[in-house]
């Protein structure tokens, strides 16, 4: 990989040349909280659905293995919910204590772990449903496929692209933002 100049390295590290450390922390926190809104809503819907399953008539038809898988799926959903909502609680507890940089780092870790847990939750939920509908090899094949899909799209692809790619050069000062439809 060719050597990068200081400006390129700052962009690769998430720095923008004209922003202060506090502005960068504000921007990073705002971007992270927006991402967590999307992921948090999705896992809350899945968690709510999972909480209702034992109260349905068909739940008694689940075998012992499926019941174990259900409990694991429910626990994964609870862990994912805690991890994705955790940054909000952290923010409330350290609000106005000048700990935003620490908040952003902790929230980033919670978000990554939360997304991994969401992928496992969805994979386990798919396996549970497929094991009910089509037992045996189809359930295993589909379960492995879904785990691989989440792992590949959410982690392997972004991480391998990150290491192979050069950071985008910074925009010159005064450059207007891209507008959809403008050519």
Foldseek 3Di string as FASTA:
>chain_A
DDDDDPQLVCVLVQHHVVDDPVVSLVVLVVVLLVVLVVLLVVLVVVLVVLVCVVVDPCPVVDDPVLVVLSVVLNVLSVLLNCLSCVLVVVCVVCPPVPCSVVSSVSNVVSNVVSLLSVLVNVLSVQLSVCCVVPNDPVSVVSSVVSSCVSCVPVPVVVVVCSVVDRRDRDDPPPDDDDDPPDD
